[in-house]
N, C-alpha and C. Protein backbone atom coordinates (compact mmCIF):
# COMPACT_ATOMS: atom_id res chain seq x y z
N MET A 1 0.70 -1.10 0.10
CA MET A 1 0.06 -0.23 0.11
C MET A 1 0.99 1.02 0.00
N CYS A 2 0.04 2.33 -0.62
CA CYS A 2 0.86 3.90 -0.49
C CYS A 2 1.08 4.23 0.89
N GLU A 3 1.69 5.31 0.83
CA GLU A 3 1.66 5.97 1.89
C GLU A 3 0.44 7.06 1.51
N PRO A 4 -0.29 7.88 2.48
CA PRO A 4 -0.75 8.79 2.09
C PRO A 4 -0.07 10.00 1.58
N GLY A 5 -0.87 10.76 0.74
CA GLY A 5 -0.17 11.48 -0.40
C GLY A 5 1.28 11.03 -1.47
N GLN A 6 1.59 9.65 -1.38
CA GLN A 6 2.48 9.49 -2.01
C GLN A 6 1.50 8.87 -3.60
N PRO A 7 2.01 9.11 -4.16
CA PRO A 7 1.67 8.51 -6.15
C PRO A 7 2.04 6.94 -6.12
N PRO A 8 1.24 6.38 -6.20
CA PRO A 8 1.07 4.97 -6.89
C PRO A 8 2.51 4.43 -7.51
N ALA A 9 2.76 3.26 -7.45
CA ALA A 9 4.63 2.70 -8.08
C ALA A 9 3.46 2.34 -9.47
N MET A 10 4.53 2.55 -10.44
CA MET A 10 3.94 2.34 -11.82
C MET A 10 4.34 0.76 -11.94
N PRO A 11 3.64 -0.17 -12.98
CA PRO A 11 3.67 -1.32 -13.09
C PRO A 11 5.25 -1.94 -13.35
N ALA A 12 6.09 -2.68 -13.14
CA ALA A 12 7.60 -2.71 -13.79
C ALA A 12 7.22 -3.70 -15.04
N THR A 13 6.31 -4.37 -15.42
CA THR A 13 5.97 -4.76 -16.38
C THR A 13 4.65 -4.76 -16.96
N ALA A 14 4.37 -5.38 -18.69
CA ALA A 14 3.26 -4.94 -19.19
C ALA A 14 2.57 -6.20 -18.06
N GLY A 15 2.84 -7.17 -17.75
CA GLY A 15 2.27 -8.28 -17.12
C GLY A 15 1.30 -7.49 -15.46
N GLU A 16 2.46 -6.84 -15.47
CA GLU A 16 1.83 -6.44 -13.97
C GLU A 16 0.50 -5.35 -14.48
N ALA A 17 0.89 -4.37 -15.42
CA ALA A 17 -0.20 -3.48 -15.56
C ALA A 17 -1.29 -4.27 -16.08
N LEU A 18 -1.44 -5.39 -16.78
CA LEU A 18 -2.54 -6.11 -17.17
C LEU A 18 -3.62 -6.52 -15.77
N ALA A 19 -2.72 -6.84 -15.03
CA ALA A 19 -2.72 -7.75 -13.92
C ALA A 19 -3.78 -6.65 -13.16
N ALA A 20 -3.39 -5.25 -13.16
CA ALA A 20 -3.83 -4.51 -12.04
C ALA A 20 -5.05 -4.03 -13.19
N LEU A 21 -5.29 -3.45 -14.03
CA LEU A 21 -6.56 -3.26 -15.28
C LEU A 21 -7.50 -4.75 -14.82
N GLU A 22 -7.10 -5.73 -14.98
CA GLU A 22 -7.96 -6.54 -14.97
C GLU A 22 -8.86 -6.69 -13.46
N SER A 23 -8.09 -6.39 -12.38
CA SER A 23 -8.16 -6.13 -10.95
C SER A 23 -9.14 -4.88 -11.04
N ALA A 24 -9.18 -3.76 -11.84
CA ALA A 24 -9.90 -2.82 -11.81
C ALA A 24 -11.38 -2.94 -12.11
N LEU A 25 -11.21 -3.62 -13.48
CA LEU A 25 -12.54 -3.99 -14.10
C LEU A 25 -13.35 -5.27 -13.75
N ASP A 26 -12.55 -6.02 -12.91
CA ASP A 26 -13.23 -7.08 -11.90
C ASP A 26 -14.44 -6.30 -10.76
N TYR A 27 -13.66 -5.31 -10.48
CA TYR A 27 -14.32 -4.27 -9.13
C TYR A 27 -15.55 -3.54 -9.62
N LEU A 28 -15.00 -2.77 -11.30
CA LEU A 28 -16.03 -2.25 -11.77
C LEU A 28 -17.51 -3.22 -12.04
N ASN A 29 -16.99 -4.63 -12.89
CA ASN A 29 -18.59 -5.21 -12.98
C ASN A 29 -18.92 -5.74 -11.89
N GLY A 30 -18.25 -6.11 -10.36
CA GLY A 30 -19.22 -6.06 -9.34
C GLY A 30 -20.55 -5.09 -8.83
N THR A 31 -19.72 -3.51 -9.15
CA THR A 31 -20.78 -2.53 -8.62
C THR A 31 -21.89 -2.73 -9.42
N ASN A 32 -23.22 -2.25 -8.71
CA ASN A 32 -24.38 -2.46 -8.95
C ASN A 32 -24.55 -0.85 -9.41
N ALA A 33 -24.56 -0.29 -10.29
CA ALA A 33 -24.76 0.34 -11.33
C ALA A 33 -26.32 1.34 -11.07
N ALA A 34 -27.19 0.49 -10.99
CA ALA A 34 -28.24 1.39 -10.34
C ALA A 34 -29.19 1.61 -9.49
N SER A 35 -27.70 1.18 -8.22
CA SER A 35 -27.85 1.91 -7.08
C SER A 35 -27.45 3.15 -6.92
N LEU A 36 -26.43 3.66 -7.93
CA LEU A 36 -26.42 5.06 -7.92
C LEU A 36 -26.92 6.24 -8.02
N PRO A 37 -26.70 7.48 -7.09
CA PRO A 37 -27.43 8.25 -7.88
C PRO A 37 -27.95 8.71 -9.28
N ALA A 38 -28.86 9.83 -9.28
CA ALA A 38 -29.49 9.79 -10.67
C ALA A 38 -28.07 10.25 -11.59
N ALA A 39 -27.43 11.34 -10.69
CA ALA A 39 -26.56 12.49 -10.95
C ALA A 39 -25.10 11.83 -11.03
N GLU A 40 -25.01 10.76 -10.67
CA GLU A 40 -23.83 10.08 -10.99
C GLU A 40 -23.93 9.06 -12.12
N GLN A 41 -25.22 8.59 -12.37
CA GLN A 41 -25.65 7.86 -13.43
C GLN A 41 -25.07 8.36 -15.06
N ALA A 42 -25.68 10.10 -14.82
CA ALA A 42 -25.90 10.60 -16.08
C ALA A 42 -24.14 10.76 -16.34
N SER A 43 -23.64 10.68 -15.44
CA SER A 43 -22.22 11.30 -15.86
C SER A 43 -21.40 10.24 -16.24
N ALA A 44 -21.93 8.66 -16.46
CA ALA A 44 -21.05 7.75 -16.50
C ALA A 44 -21.03 7.69 -18.22
């Protein structure tokens, strides 16, 4: 984990970058967009 105020570390390899992307997409895929307020849904 990063310390508060520190920028996140850049991936060292393409594989690490792809793993981070896959993790982020898995997280977003698990969200329930219907539960977001209308203003947030409109901005998406």
